[in-house]
mmCIF file of all heavy atoms, coordinates in Angstrom:
data_MODEL
# 
_entry.id   MODEL 
# 
loop_
_atom_site.group_PDB 
_atom_site.id 
_atom_site.type_symbol 
_atom_site.label_atom_id 
_atom_site.label_alt_id 
_atom_site.label_comp_id 
_atom_site.label_asym_id 
_atom_site.label_entity_id 
_atom_site.label_seq_id 
_atom_site.pdbx_PDB_ins_code 
_atom_site.Cartn_x 
_atom_site.Cartn_y 
_atom_site.Cartn_z 
_atom_site.occupancy 
_atom_site.B_iso_or_equiv 
_atom_site.pdbx_formal_charge 
_atom_site.auth_seq_id 
_atom_site.auth_comp_id 
_atom_site.auth_asym_id 
_atom_site.auth_atom_id 
_atom_site.pdbx_PDB_model_num 
ATOM 1   N N   . ARG A 1 1  ? 265.954 -93.570 -46.021 1.00 0.00 ? 1  ARG A N   1 
ATOM 2   C CA  . ARG A 1 1  ? 265.381 -93.278 -47.337 1.00 0.00 ? 1  ARG A CA  1 
ATOM 3   C C   . ARG A 1 1  ? 264.710 -91.920 -47.284 1.00 0.00 ? 1  ARG A C   1 
ATOM 4   O O   . ARG A 1 1  ? 263.865 -91.672 -46.429 1.00 0.00 ? 1  ARG A O   1 
ATOM 5   C CB  . ARG A 1 1  ? 264.372 -94.349 -47.736 1.00 0.00 ? 1  ARG A CB  1 
ATOM 6   C CG  . ARG A 1 1  ? 265.062 -95.697 -47.967 1.00 0.00 ? 1  ARG A CG  1 
ATOM 7   C CD  . ARG A 1 1  ? 264.148 -96.729 -48.552 1.00 0.00 ? 1  ARG A CD  1 
ATOM 8   N NE  . ARG A 1 1  ? 263.598 -96.289 -49.813 1.00 0.00 ? 1  ARG A NE  1 
ATOM 9   C CZ  . ARG A 1 1  ? 262.488 -96.782 -50.335 1.00 0.00 ? 1  ARG A CZ  1 
ATOM 10  N NH1 . ARG A 1 1  ? 261.826 -97.724 -49.711 1.00 0.00 ? 1  ARG A NH1 1 
ATOM 11  N NH2 . ARG A 1 1  ? 262.036 -96.345 -51.479 1.00 0.00 ? 1  ARG A NH2 1 
ATOM 12  N N   . VAL A 1 2  ? 265.080 -91.069 -48.212 1.00 0.00 ? 2  VAL A N   1 
ATOM 13  C CA  . VAL A 1 2  ? 264.513 -89.722 -48.268 1.00 0.00 ? 2  VAL A CA  1 
ATOM 14  C C   . VAL A 1 2  ? 263.020 -89.813 -48.557 1.00 0.00 ? 2  VAL A C   1 
ATOM 15  O O   . VAL A 1 2  ? 262.588 -90.540 -49.455 1.00 0.00 ? 2  VAL A O   1 
ATOM 16  C CB  . VAL A 1 2  ? 265.220 -88.884 -49.361 1.00 0.00 ? 2  VAL A CB  1 
ATOM 17  C CG1 . VAL A 1 2  ? 264.529 -87.551 -49.563 1.00 0.00 ? 2  VAL A CG1 1 
ATOM 18  C CG2 . VAL A 1 2  ? 266.677 -88.690 -48.997 1.00 0.00 ? 2  VAL A CG2 1 
ATOM 19  N N   . GLY A 1 3  ? 262.227 -89.073 -47.771 1.00 0.00 ? 3  GLY A N   1 
ATOM 20  C CA  . GLY A 1 3  ? 260.793 -88.996 -48.008 1.00 0.00 ? 3  GLY A CA  1 
ATOM 21  C C   . GLY A 1 3  ? 259.956 -90.060 -47.327 1.00 0.00 ? 3  GLY A C   1 
ATOM 22  O O   . GLY A 1 3  ? 258.740 -90.033 -47.441 1.00 0.00 ? 3  GLY A O   1 
ATOM 23  N N   . LEU A 1 4  ? 260.584 -91.013 -46.672 1.00 0.00 ? 4  LEU A N   1 
ATOM 24  C CA  . LEU A 1 4  ? 259.830 -92.063 -45.997 1.00 0.00 ? 4  LEU A CA  1 
ATOM 25  C C   . LEU A 1 4  ? 260.145 -92.037 -44.511 1.00 0.00 ? 4  LEU A C   1 
ATOM 26  O O   . LEU A 1 4  ? 261.316 -92.015 -44.142 1.00 0.00 ? 4  LEU A O   1 
ATOM 27  C CB  . LEU A 1 4  ? 260.168 -93.436 -46.581 1.00 0.00 ? 4  LEU A CB  1 
ATOM 28  C CG  . LEU A 1 4  ? 259.764 -93.628 -48.034 1.00 0.00 ? 4  LEU A CG  1 
ATOM 29  C CD1 . LEU A 1 4  ? 260.232 -94.971 -48.530 1.00 0.00 ? 4  LEU A CD1 1 
ATOM 30  C CD2 . LEU A 1 4  ? 258.264 -93.488 -48.211 1.00 0.00 ? 4  LEU A CD2 1 
ATOM 31  N N   . PRO A 1 5  ? 259.163 -92.028 -43.653 1.00 0.00 ? 5  PRO A N   1 
ATOM 32  C CA  . PRO A 1 5  ? 257.745 -92.001 -44.002 1.00 0.00 ? 5  PRO A CA  1 
ATOM 33  C C   . PRO A 1 5  ? 257.345 -90.641 -44.563 1.00 0.00 ? 5  PRO A C   1 
ATOM 34  O O   . PRO A 1 5  ? 257.988 -89.632 -44.295 1.00 0.00 ? 5  PRO A O   1 
ATOM 35  C CB  . PRO A 1 5  ? 257.056 -92.260 -42.657 1.00 0.00 ? 5  PRO A CB  1 
ATOM 36  C CG  . PRO A 1 5  ? 257.998 -91.697 -41.645 1.00 0.00 ? 5  PRO A CG  1 
ATOM 37  C CD  . PRO A 1 5  ? 259.384 -91.938 -42.209 1.00 0.00 ? 5  PRO A CD  1 
ATOM 38  N N   . VAL A 1 6  ? 256.293 -90.639 -45.359 1.00 0.00 ? 6  VAL A N   1 
ATOM 39  C CA  . VAL A 1 6  ? 255.805 -89.406 -45.964 1.00 0.00 ? 6  VAL A CA  1 
ATOM 40  C C   . VAL A 1 6  ? 255.355 -88.455 -44.865 1.00 0.00 ? 6  VAL A C   1 
ATOM 41  O O   . VAL A 1 6  ? 254.664 -88.846 -43.933 1.00 0.00 ? 6  VAL A O   1 
ATOM 42  C CB  . VAL A 1 6  ? 254.647 -89.695 -46.942 1.00 0.00 ? 6  VAL A CB  1 
ATOM 43  C CG1 . VAL A 1 6  ? 254.009 -88.409 -47.426 1.00 0.00 ? 6  VAL A CG1 1 
ATOM 44  C CG2 . VAL A 1 6  ? 255.153 -90.516 -48.118 1.00 0.00 ? 6  VAL A CG2 1 
ATOM 45  N N   . GLN A 1 7  ? 255.785 -87.210 -44.956 1.00 0.00 ? 7  GLN A N   1 
ATOM 46  C CA  . GLN A 1 7  ? 255.414 -86.174 -43.997 1.00 0.00 ? 7  GLN A CA  1 
ATOM 47  C C   . GLN A 1 7  ? 254.289 -85.326 -44.593 1.00 0.00 ? 7  GLN A C   1 
ATOM 48  O O   . GLN A 1 7  ? 253.976 -85.434 -45.765 1.00 0.00 ? 7  GLN A O   1 
ATOM 49  C CB  . GLN A 1 7  ? 256.625 -85.292 -43.681 1.00 0.00 ? 7  GLN A CB  1 
ATOM 50  C CG  . GLN A 1 7  ? 257.831 -86.063 -43.185 1.00 0.00 ? 7  GLN A CG  1 
ATOM 51  C CD  . GLN A 1 7  ? 257.597 -86.714 -41.846 1.00 0.00 ? 7  GLN A CD  1 
ATOM 52  O OE1 . GLN A 1 7  ? 257.175 -86.067 -40.909 1.00 0.00 ? 7  GLN A OE1 1 
ATOM 53  N NE2 . GLN A 1 7  ? 257.877 -87.996 -41.761 1.00 0.00 ? 7  GLN A NE2 1 
ATOM 54  N N   . CYS A 1 8  ? 253.748 -84.436 -43.807 1.00 0.00 ? 8  CYS A N   1 
ATOM 55  C CA  . CYS A 1 8  ? 252.692 -83.559 -44.318 1.00 0.00 ? 8  CYS A CA  1 
ATOM 56  C C   . CYS A 1 8  ? 253.320 -82.372 -45.039 1.00 0.00 ? 8  CYS A C   1 
ATOM 57  O O   . CYS A 1 8  ? 254.485 -82.400 -45.379 1.00 0.00 ? 8  CYS A O   1 
ATOM 58  C CB  . CYS A 1 8  ? 251.761 -83.105 -43.202 1.00 0.00 ? 8  CYS A CB  1 
ATOM 59  S SG  . CYS A 1 8  ? 252.536 -81.982 -42.043 1.00 0.00 ? 8  CYS A SG  1 
ATOM 60  N N   . ALA A 1 9  ? 252.549 -81.335 -45.257 1.00 0.00 ? 9  ALA A N   1 
ATOM 61  C CA  . ALA A 1 9  ? 252.981 -80.111 -45.954 1.00 0.00 ? 9  ALA A CA  1 
ATOM 62  C C   . ALA A 1 9  ? 253.071 -80.343 -47.448 1.00 0.00 ? 9  ALA A C   1 
ATOM 63  O O   . ALA A 1 9  ? 254.036 -79.980 -48.103 1.00 0.00 ? 9  ALA A O   1 
ATOM 64  C CB  . ALA A 1 9  ? 254.290 -79.574 -45.390 1.00 0.00 ? 9  ALA A CB  1 
ATOM 65  N N   . GLU A 1 10 ? 252.031 -80.950 -48.008 1.00 0.00 ? 10 GLU A N   1 
ATOM 66  C CA  . GLU A 1 10 ? 252.011 -81.226 -49.438 1.00 0.00 ? 10 GLU A CA  1 
ATOM 67  C C   . GLU A 1 10 ? 251.577 -80.022 -50.272 1.00 0.00 ? 10 GLU A C   1 
ATOM 68  O O   . GLU A 1 10 ? 251.766 -80.000 -51.470 1.00 0.00 ? 10 GLU A O   1 
ATOM 69  C CB  . GLU A 1 10 ? 251.062 -82.390 -49.756 1.00 0.00 ? 10 GLU A CB  1 
ATOM 70  C CG  . GLU A 1 10 ? 251.538 -83.720 -49.213 1.00 0.00 ? 10 GLU A CG  1 
ATOM 71  C CD  . GLU A 1 10 ? 251.039 -84.009 -47.806 1.00 0.00 ? 10 GLU A CD  1 
ATOM 72  O OE1 . GLU A 1 10 ? 250.286 -83.197 -47.233 1.00 0.00 ? 10 GLU A OE1 1 
ATOM 73  O OE2 . GLU A 1 10 ? 251.414 -85.058 -47.272 1.00 0.00 ? 10 GLU A OE2 1 
ATOM 74  N N   . TYR A 1 11 ? 250.984 -79.021 -49.651 1.00 0.00 ? 11 TYR A N   1 
ATOM 75  C CA  . TYR A 1 11 ? 250.455 -77.866 -50.380 1.00 0.00 ? 11 TYR A CA  1 
ATOM 76  C C   . TYR A 1 11 ? 251.553 -76.840 -50.642 1.00 0.00 ? 11 TYR A C   1 
ATOM 77  O O   . TYR A 1 11 ? 252.322 -76.486 -49.752 1.00 0.00 ? 11 TYR A O   1 
ATOM 78  C CB  . TYR A 1 11 ? 249.328 -77.208 -49.579 1.00 0.00 ? 11 TYR A CB  1 
ATOM 79  C CG  . TYR A 1 11 ? 248.920 -75.857 -50.110 1.00 0.00 ? 11 TYR A CG  1 
ATOM 80  C CD1 . TYR A 1 11 ? 248.149 -75.750 -51.250 1.00 0.00 ? 11 TYR A CD1 1 
ATOM 81  C CD2 . TYR A 1 11 ? 249.328 -74.695 -49.477 1.00 0.00 ? 11 TYR A CD2 1 
ATOM 82  C CE1 . TYR A 1 11 ? 247.781 -74.516 -51.751 1.00 0.00 ? 11 TYR A CE1 1 
ATOM 83  C CE2 . TYR A 1 11 ? 248.966 -73.454 -49.960 1.00 0.00 ? 11 TYR A CE2 1 
ATOM 84  C CZ  . TYR A 1 11 ? 248.199 -73.369 -51.108 1.00 0.00 ? 11 TYR A CZ  1 
ATOM 85  O OH  . TYR A 1 11 ? 247.855 -72.136 -51.590 1.00 0.00 ? 11 TYR A OH  1 
ATOM 86  N N   . ILE A 1 12 ? 251.622 -76.370 -51.882 1.00 0.00 ? 12 ILE A N   1 
ATOM 87  C CA  . ILE A 1 12 ? 252.524 -75.277 -52.242 1.00 0.00 ? 12 ILE A CA  1 
ATOM 88  C C   . ILE A 1 12 ? 251.689 -74.228 -52.957 1.00 0.00 ? 12 ILE A C   1 
ATOM 89  O O   . ILE A 1 12 ? 251.076 -74.514 -53.994 1.00 0.00 ? 12 ILE A O   1 
ATOM 90  C CB  . ILE A 1 12 ? 253.661 -75.737 -53.164 1.00 0.00 ? 12 ILE A CB  1 
ATOM 91  C CG1 . ILE A 1 12 ? 254.513 -76.791 -52.479 1.00 0.00 ? 12 ILE A CG1 1 
ATOM 92  C CG2 . ILE A 1 12 ? 254.517 -74.551 -53.594 1.00 0.00 ? 12 ILE A CG2 1 
ATOM 93  C CD1 . ILE A 1 12 ? 255.599 -77.350 -53.357 1.00 0.00 ? 12 ILE A CD1 1 
ATOM 94  N N   . PRO A 1 13 ? 251.638 -72.998 -52.438 1.00 0.00 ? 13 PRO A N   1 
ATOM 95  C CA  . PRO A 1 13 ? 250.878 -71.945 -53.134 1.00 0.00 ? 13 PRO A CA  1 
ATOM 96  C C   . PRO A 1 13 ? 251.539 -71.611 -54.466 1.00 0.00 ? 13 PRO A C   1 
ATOM 97  O O   . PRO A 1 13 ? 252.754 -71.716 -54.613 1.00 0.00 ? 13 PRO A O   1 
ATOM 98  C CB  . PRO A 1 13 ? 250.931 -70.764 -52.166 1.00 0.00 ? 13 PRO A CB  1 
ATOM 99  C CG  . PRO A 1 13 ? 252.049 -71.048 -51.226 1.00 0.00 ? 13 PRO A CG  1 
ATOM 100 C CD  . PRO A 1 13 ? 252.260 -72.532 -51.213 1.00 0.00 ? 13 PRO A CD  1 
ATOM 101 N N   . LEU A 1 14 ? 250.729 -71.203 -55.442 1.00 0.00 ? 14 LEU A N   1 
ATOM 102 C CA  . LEU A 1 14 ? 251.260 -70.884 -56.766 1.00 0.00 ? 14 LEU A CA  1 
ATOM 103 C C   . LEU A 1 14 ? 252.320 -69.789 -56.722 1.00 0.00 ? 14 LEU A C   1 
ATOM 104 O O   . LEU A 1 14 ? 253.239 -69.789 -57.539 1.00 0.00 ? 14 LEU A O   1 
ATOM 105 C CB  . LEU A 1 14 ? 250.139 -70.475 -57.722 1.00 0.00 ? 14 LEU A CB  1 
ATOM 106 C CG  . LEU A 1 14 ? 249.308 -71.615 -58.290 1.00 0.00 ? 14 LEU A CG  1 
ATOM 107 C CD1 . LEU A 1 14 ? 248.301 -71.088 -59.306 1.00 0.00 ? 14 LEU A CD1 1 
ATOM 108 C CD2 . LEU A 1 14 ? 250.178 -72.695 -58.919 1.00 0.00 ? 14 LEU A CD2 1 
ATOM 109 N N   . VAL A 1 15 ? 252.214 -68.863 -55.763 1.00 0.00 ? 15 VAL A N   1 
ATOM 110 C CA  . VAL A 1 15 ? 253.217 -67.800 -55.690 1.00 0.00 ? 15 VAL A CA  1 
ATOM 111 C C   . VAL A 1 15 ? 254.597 -68.367 -55.379 1.00 0.00 ? 15 VAL A C   1 
ATOM 112 O O   . VAL A 1 15 ? 255.609 -67.740 -55.681 1.00 0.00 ? 15 VAL A O   1 
ATOM 113 C CB  . VAL A 1 15 ? 252.847 -66.706 -54.666 1.00 0.00 ? 15 VAL A CB  1 
ATOM 114 C CG1 . VAL A 1 15 ? 251.576 -65.994 -55.081 1.00 0.00 ? 15 VAL A CG1 1 
ATOM 115 C CG2 . VAL A 1 15 ? 252.715 -67.283 -53.270 1.00 0.00 ? 15 VAL A CG2 1 
ATOM 116 N N   . LEU A 1 16 ? 254.677 -69.566 -54.793 1.00 0.00 ? 16 LEU A N   1 
ATOM 117 C CA  . LEU A 1 16 ? 255.956 -70.212 -54.503 1.00 0.00 ? 16 LEU A CA  1 
ATOM 118 C C   . LEU A 1 16 ? 256.260 -71.381 -55.427 1.00 0.00 ? 16 LEU A C   1 
ATOM 119 O O   . LEU A 1 16 ? 257.385 -71.858 -55.458 1.00 0.00 ? 16 LEU A O   1 
ATOM 120 C CB  . LEU A 1 16 ? 255.988 -70.721 -53.059 1.00 0.00 ? 16 LEU A CB  1 
ATOM 121 C CG  . LEU A 1 16 ? 255.881 -69.674 -51.964 1.00 0.00 ? 16 LEU A CG  1 
ATOM 122 C CD1 . LEU A 1 16 ? 255.856 -70.338 -50.603 1.00 0.00 ? 16 LEU A CD1 1 
ATOM 123 C CD2 . LEU A 1 16 ? 257.032 -68.683 -52.053 1.00 0.00 ? 16 LEU A CD2 1 
ATOM 124 N N   . ALA A 1 17 ? 255.263 -71.831 -56.184 1.00 0.00 ? 17 ALA A N   1 
ATOM 125 C CA  . ALA A 1 17 ? 255.427 -73.036 -56.999 1.00 0.00 ? 17 ALA A CA  1 
ATOM 126 C C   . ALA A 1 17 ? 256.562 -72.897 -58.007 1.00 0.00 ? 17 ALA A C   1 
ATOM 127 O O   . ALA A 1 17 ? 257.236 -73.870 -58.320 1.00 0.00 ? 17 ALA A O   1 
ATOM 128 C CB  . ALA A 1 17 ? 254.123 -73.396 -57.696 1.00 0.00 ? 17 ALA A CB  1 
ATOM 129 N N   . GLY A 1 18 ? 256.811 -71.696 -58.513 1.00 0.00 ? 18 GLY A N   1 
ATOM 130 C CA  . GLY A 1 18 ? 257.898 -71.499 -59.455 1.00 0.00 ? 18 GLY A CA  1 
ATOM 131 C C   . GLY A 1 18 ? 259.262 -71.629 -58.826 1.00 0.00 ? 18 GLY A C   1 
ATOM 132 O O   . GLY A 1 18 ? 260.249 -71.870 -59.510 1.00 0.00 ? 18 GLY A O   1 
ATOM 133 N N   . GLU A 1 19 ? 259.337 -71.490 -57.513 1.00 0.00 ? 19 GLU A N   1 
ATOM 134 C CA  . GLU A 1 19 ? 260.614 -71.602 -56.802 1.00 0.00 ? 19 GLU A CA  1 
ATOM 135 C C   . GLU A 1 19 ? 260.918 -73.035 -56.379 1.00 0.00 ? 19 GLU A C   1 
ATOM 136 O O   . GLU A 1 19 ? 262.040 -73.346 -56.018 1.00 0.00 ? 19 GLU A O   1 
ATOM 137 C CB  . GLU A 1 19 ? 260.607 -70.695 -55.580 1.00 0.00 ? 19 GLU A CB  1 
ATOM 138 C CG  . GLU A 1 19 ? 260.469 -69.228 -55.937 1.00 0.00 ? 19 GLU A CG  1 
ATOM 139 C CD  . GLU A 1 19 ? 260.379 -68.345 -54.711 1.00 0.00 ? 19 GLU A CD  1 
ATOM 140 O OE1 . GLU A 1 19 ? 260.960 -68.710 -53.676 1.00 0.00 ? 19 GLU A OE1 1 
ATOM 141 O OE2 . GLU A 1 19 ? 259.738 -67.298 -54.805 1.00 0.00 ? 19 GLU A OE2 1 
ATOM 142 N N   . VAL A 1 20 ? 259.906 -73.892 -56.404 1.00 0.00 ? 20 VAL A N   1 
ATOM 143 C CA  . VAL A 1 20 ? 260.076 -75.290 -56.028 1.00 0.00 ? 20 VAL A CA  1 
ATOM 144 C C   . VAL A 1 20 ? 260.109 -76.108 -57.316 1.00 0.00 ? 20 VAL A C   1 
ATOM 145 O O   . VAL A 1 20 ? 259.158 -76.091 -58.080 1.00 0.00 ? 20 VAL A O   1 
ATOM 146 C CB  . VAL A 1 20 ? 258.924 -75.764 -55.119 1.00 0.00 ? 20 VAL A CB  1 
ATOM 147 C CG1 . VAL A 1 20 ? 259.062 -77.240 -54.798 1.00 0.00 ? 20 VAL A CG1 1 
ATOM 148 C CG2 . VAL A 1 20 ? 258.884 -74.927 -53.854 1.00 0.00 ? 20 VAL A CG2 1 
ATOM 149 N N   . GLN A 1 21 ? 261.206 -76.798 -57.547 1.00 0.00 ? 21 GLN A N   1 
ATOM 150 C CA  . GLN A 1 21 ? 261.370 -77.545 -58.786 1.00 0.00 ? 21 GLN A CA  1 
ATOM 151 C C   . GLN A 1 21 ? 260.764 -78.931 -58.640 1.00 0.00 ? 21 GLN A C   1 
ATOM 152 O O   . GLN A 1 21 ? 261.446 -79.899 -58.330 1.00 0.00 ? 21 GLN A O   1 
ATOM 153 C CB  . GLN A 1 21 ? 262.843 -77.608 -59.156 1.00 0.00 ? 21 GLN A CB  1 
ATOM 154 C CG  . GLN A 1 21 ? 263.446 -76.252 -59.395 1.00 0.00 ? 21 GLN A CG  1 
ATOM 155 C CD  . GLN A 1 21 ? 264.919 -76.322 -59.713 1.00 0.00 ? 21 GLN A CD  1 
ATOM 156 O OE1 . GLN A 1 21 ? 265.446 -77.373 -60.041 1.00 0.00 ? 21 GLN A OE1 1 
ATOM 157 N NE2 . GLN A 1 21 ? 265.595 -75.206 -59.619 1.00 0.00 ? 21 GLN A NE2 1 
ATOM 158 N N   . ALA A 1 22 ? 259.446 -79.007 -58.860 1.00 0.00 ? 22 ALA A N   1 
ATOM 159 C CA  . ALA A 1 22 ? 258.733 -80.276 -58.733 1.00 0.00 ? 22 ALA A CA  1 
ATOM 160 C C   . ALA A 1 22 ? 258.405 -80.807 -60.124 1.00 0.00 ? 22 ALA A C   1 
ATOM 161 O O   . ALA A 1 22 ? 257.856 -80.078 -60.955 1.00 0.00 ? 22 ALA A O   1 
ATOM 162 C CB  . ALA A 1 22 ? 257.447 -80.089 -57.944 1.00 0.00 ? 22 ALA A CB  1 
ATOM 163 N N   . PRO A 1 23 ? 258.746 -82.069 -60.408 1.00 0.00 ? 23 PRO A N   1 
ATOM 164 C CA  . PRO A 1 23 ? 258.360 -82.634 -61.699 1.00 0.00 ? 23 PRO A CA  1 
ATOM 165 C C   . PRO A 1 23 ? 256.841 -82.786 -61.768 1.00 0.00 ? 23 PRO A C   1 
ATOM 166 O O   . PRO A 1 23 ? 256.181 -82.921 -60.734 1.00 0.00 ? 23 PRO A O   1 
ATOM 167 C CB  . PRO A 1 23 ? 259.057 -83.986 -61.714 1.00 0.00 ? 23 PRO A CB  1 
ATOM 168 C CG  . PRO A 1 23 ? 259.225 -84.344 -60.283 1.00 0.00 ? 23 PRO A CG  1 
ATOM 169 C CD  . PRO A 1 23 ? 259.413 -83.035 -59.555 1.00 0.00 ? 23 PRO A CD  1 
ATOM 170 N N   . GLU A 1 24 ? 256.299 -82.745 -62.961 1.00 0.00 ? 24 GLU A N   1 
ATOM 171 C CA  . GLU A 1 24 ? 254.841 -82.855 -63.127 1.00 0.00 ? 24 GLU A CA  1 
ATOM 172 C C   . GLU A 1 24 ? 254.301 -84.136 -62.497 1.00 0.00 ? 24 GLU A C   1 
ATOM 173 O O   . GLU A 1 24 ? 253.197 -84.150 -61.961 1.00 0.00 ? 24 GLU A O   1 
ATOM 174 C CB  . GLU A 1 24 ? 254.470 -82.783 -64.610 1.00 0.00 ? 24 GLU A CB  1 
ATOM 175 C CG  . GLU A 1 24 ? 252.999 -82.608 -64.875 1.00 0.00 ? 24 GLU A CG  1 
ATOM 176 C CD  . GLU A 1 24 ? 252.401 -81.328 -64.285 1.00 0.00 ? 24 GLU A CD  1 
ATOM 177 O OE1 . GLU A 1 24 ? 253.096 -80.300 -64.222 1.00 0.00 ? 24 GLU A OE1 1 
ATOM 178 O OE2 . GLU A 1 24 ? 251.210 -81.365 -63.899 1.00 0.00 ? 24 GLU A OE2 1 
ATOM 179 N N   . ALA A 1 25 ? 255.090 -85.212 -62.517 1.00 0.00 ? 25 ALA A N   1 
ATOM 180 C CA  . ALA A 1 25 ? 254.646 -86.480 -61.925 1.00 0.00 ? 25 ALA A CA  1 
ATOM 181 C C   . ALA A 1 25 ? 254.451 -86.372 -60.418 1.00 0.00 ? 25 ALA A C   1 
ATOM 182 O O   . ALA A 1 25 ? 253.751 -87.183 -59.824 1.00 0.00 ? 25 ALA A O   1 
ATOM 183 C CB  . ALA A 1 25 ? 255.658 -87.583 -62.237 1.00 0.00 ? 25 ALA A CB  1 
ATOM 184 N N   . ALA A 1 26 ? 255.047 -85.366 -59.791 1.00 0.00 ? 26 ALA A N   1 
ATOM 185 C CA  . ALA A 1 26 ? 254.909 -85.195 -58.342 1.00 0.00 ? 26 ALA A CA  1 
ATOM 186 C C   . ALA A 1 26 ? 253.728 -84.311 -57.967 1.00 0.00 ? 26 ALA A C   1 
ATOM 187 O O   . ALA A 1 26 ? 253.425 -84.156 -56.800 1.00 0.00 ? 26 ALA A O   1 
ATOM 188 C CB  . ALA A 1 26 ? 256.192 -84.614 -57.759 1.00 0.00 ? 26 ALA A CB  1 
# 
């Protein structure tokens, strides 16, 4: 199962946030 177990690295700087397509719920 993708994403399990949950790994670290949850922080994304705003300068990269536009390049990562994360839904608002995430």
